[in-house]
Protein backbone atom coordinates (compact mmCIF):
# COMPACT_ATOMS: atom_id res chain seq x y z
CA MET A 1 -3.39 -0.85 0.68
CA ARG A 2 -3.07 -4.27 1.64
CA LEU A 3 -5.79 -6.63 0.69
CA THR A 4 -6.67 -7.15 4.39
CA GLU A 5 -7.16 -3.23 4.29
CA ALA A 6 -9.58 -3.20 1.53
CA GLU A 7 -11.62 -6.06 2.76
CA GLU A 8 -12.05 -4.42 5.89
CA ALA A 9 -13.13 -0.96 4.16
CA HIS A 10 -15.51 -3.26 2.15
CA VAL A 11 -16.83 -5.00 5.18
CA ALA A 12 -17.71 -1.64 6.56
CA VAL A 13 -19.04 -0.23 3.27
CA LEU A 14 -21.62 -3.34 3.49
CA ALA A 15 -22.23 -3.39 7.52
CA ALA A 16 -23.54 0.31 6.76
CA ARG A 17 -25.91 -0.33 4.54
CA ASP A 18 -26.88 -3.16 5.83
CA ARG A 19 -27.77 -3.41 9.48
CA ALA A 20 -28.55 -7.46 9.58
CA TYR A 21 -24.90 -7.70 7.82
CA SER A 22 -23.40 -5.44 10.26
CA GLN A 23 -25.09 -7.80 13.23
CA GLU A 24 -23.67 -11.19 11.50
CA ILE A 25 -20.29 -9.76 11.04
CA ALA A 26 -20.23 -8.73 14.91
CA VAL A 27 -21.23 -12.00 15.51
CA PHE A 28 -18.64 -13.64 13.25
CA ARG A 29 -15.91 -11.14 14.35
CA ALA A 30 -16.64 -12.18 17.92
CA GLY A 31 -16.73 -15.99 17.67
CA VAL A 32 -13.24 -16.07 15.50
CA GLN A 33 -11.88 -13.81 18.46
CA ASP A 34 -13.37 -16.40 21.21
CA ILE A 35 -11.81 -19.16 19.02
CA ALA A 36 -8.03 -17.44 18.77
CA ALA A 37 -8.32 -16.78 22.93
CA THR A 38 -7.00 -20.15 22.83
CA PRO A 39 -3.99 -21.83 21.42
CA GLU A 40 -6.00 -25.11 20.51
CA GLY A 41 -8.43 -22.25 18.55
CA ALA A 42 -5.51 -20.39 17.29
CA ALA A 43 -4.40 -24.10 15.96
CA ALA A 44 -7.84 -24.48 14.70
CA LEU A 45 -7.79 -21.46 12.34
CA ALA A 46 -3.97 -21.80 11.37
CA ARG A 47 -5.46 -25.23 9.64
CA PHE A 48 -8.53 -23.82 8.40
CA ASN A 49 -6.39 -21.40 6.29
CA ALA A 50 -3.56 -23.99 5.19
CA GLY A 51 -6.73 -25.80 3.88
CA ASP A 52 -7.23 -28.51 6.54
CA GLU A 53 -11.09 -27.51 6.97
CA THR A 54 -11.37 -31.31 8.44
CA GLY A 55 -9.17 -31.03 11.04
CA ALA A 56 -9.99 -27.21 12.07
CA LEU A 57 -13.49 -28.46 12.59
CA ALA A 58 -12.43 -31.58 14.33
CA ILE A 59 -10.40 -29.22 16.74
CA LEU A 60 -13.23 -26.91 17.22
CA ALA A 61 -15.55 -30.03 18.37
CA ASP A 62 -13.27 -31.08 20.60
CA LEU A 63 -13.12 -27.35 22.34
CA ARG A 64 -16.95 -27.43 22.11
CA ARG A 65 -16.99 -30.77 23.89
CA ALA A 66 -14.64 -29.69 26.59
CA ARG A 67 -16.47 -26.86 27.39
CA VAL A 68 -19.50 -28.34 27.47
CA ALA A 69 -18.09 -31.03 29.82
CA ALA A 70 -16.62 -27.95 31.80
CA GLY A 71 -20.09 -26.53 32.19
CA THR A 72 -18.99 -23.28 30.75
CA GLY A 73 -21.42 -23.81 27.80
CA PRO A 74 -21.01 -24.16 23.99
CA PRO A 75 -18.77 -21.45 22.80
CA SER A 76 -19.43 -18.85 20.61
CA SER A 77 -17.77 -20.86 17.93
CA PHE A 78 -20.77 -22.77 16.93
CA ALA A 79 -21.81 -19.49 15.15
CA VAL A 80 -18.30 -19.52 13.25
CA THR A 81 -18.53 -22.81 12.43
CA ALA A 82 -21.58 -22.46 10.87
CA ALA A 83 -20.16 -19.26 8.97
CA VAL A 84 -16.51 -20.56 7.77
CA ARG A 85 -18.15 -23.34 5.74
CA PRO A 86 -19.55 -20.31 2.70
CA LEU A 87 -16.15 -19.13 2.53
CA LYS A 88 -15.35 -22.54 1.05
CA LYS A 89 -16.06 -21.84 -2.40
CA GLY A 90 -13.88 -18.66 -2.58
CA SER A 91 -10.75 -17.69 -0.55
CA ARG A 92 -10.17 -19.96 2.34
CA GLN A 93 -8.31 -17.34 3.98
CA LEU A 94 -10.72 -16.06 7.00
CA PRO A 95 -11.56 -12.05 6.48
CA PHE A 96 -10.80 -11.22 10.34
CA GLN A 97 -7.65 -12.55 11.72
């Protein structure tokens, strides 16, 4: 079993035990998918995974400003920006790529 498959299995077990955790994971995944849907967002995720948290967050901030300026409102990446910070203590790899 690959590491990502093991992580997914672990997350599924935790989500089954805790409804609030399950909802948080759903929001996190939706945010990552939203970010990854654009080339700029994919670049931000790649920079974060490469260890460049500052560069990644700068890209996300630019995307947020552009969406607000365009009138499309803030992206769901607000939740992801907050969610990725705790990952800094352990693995810097986002678990849901």
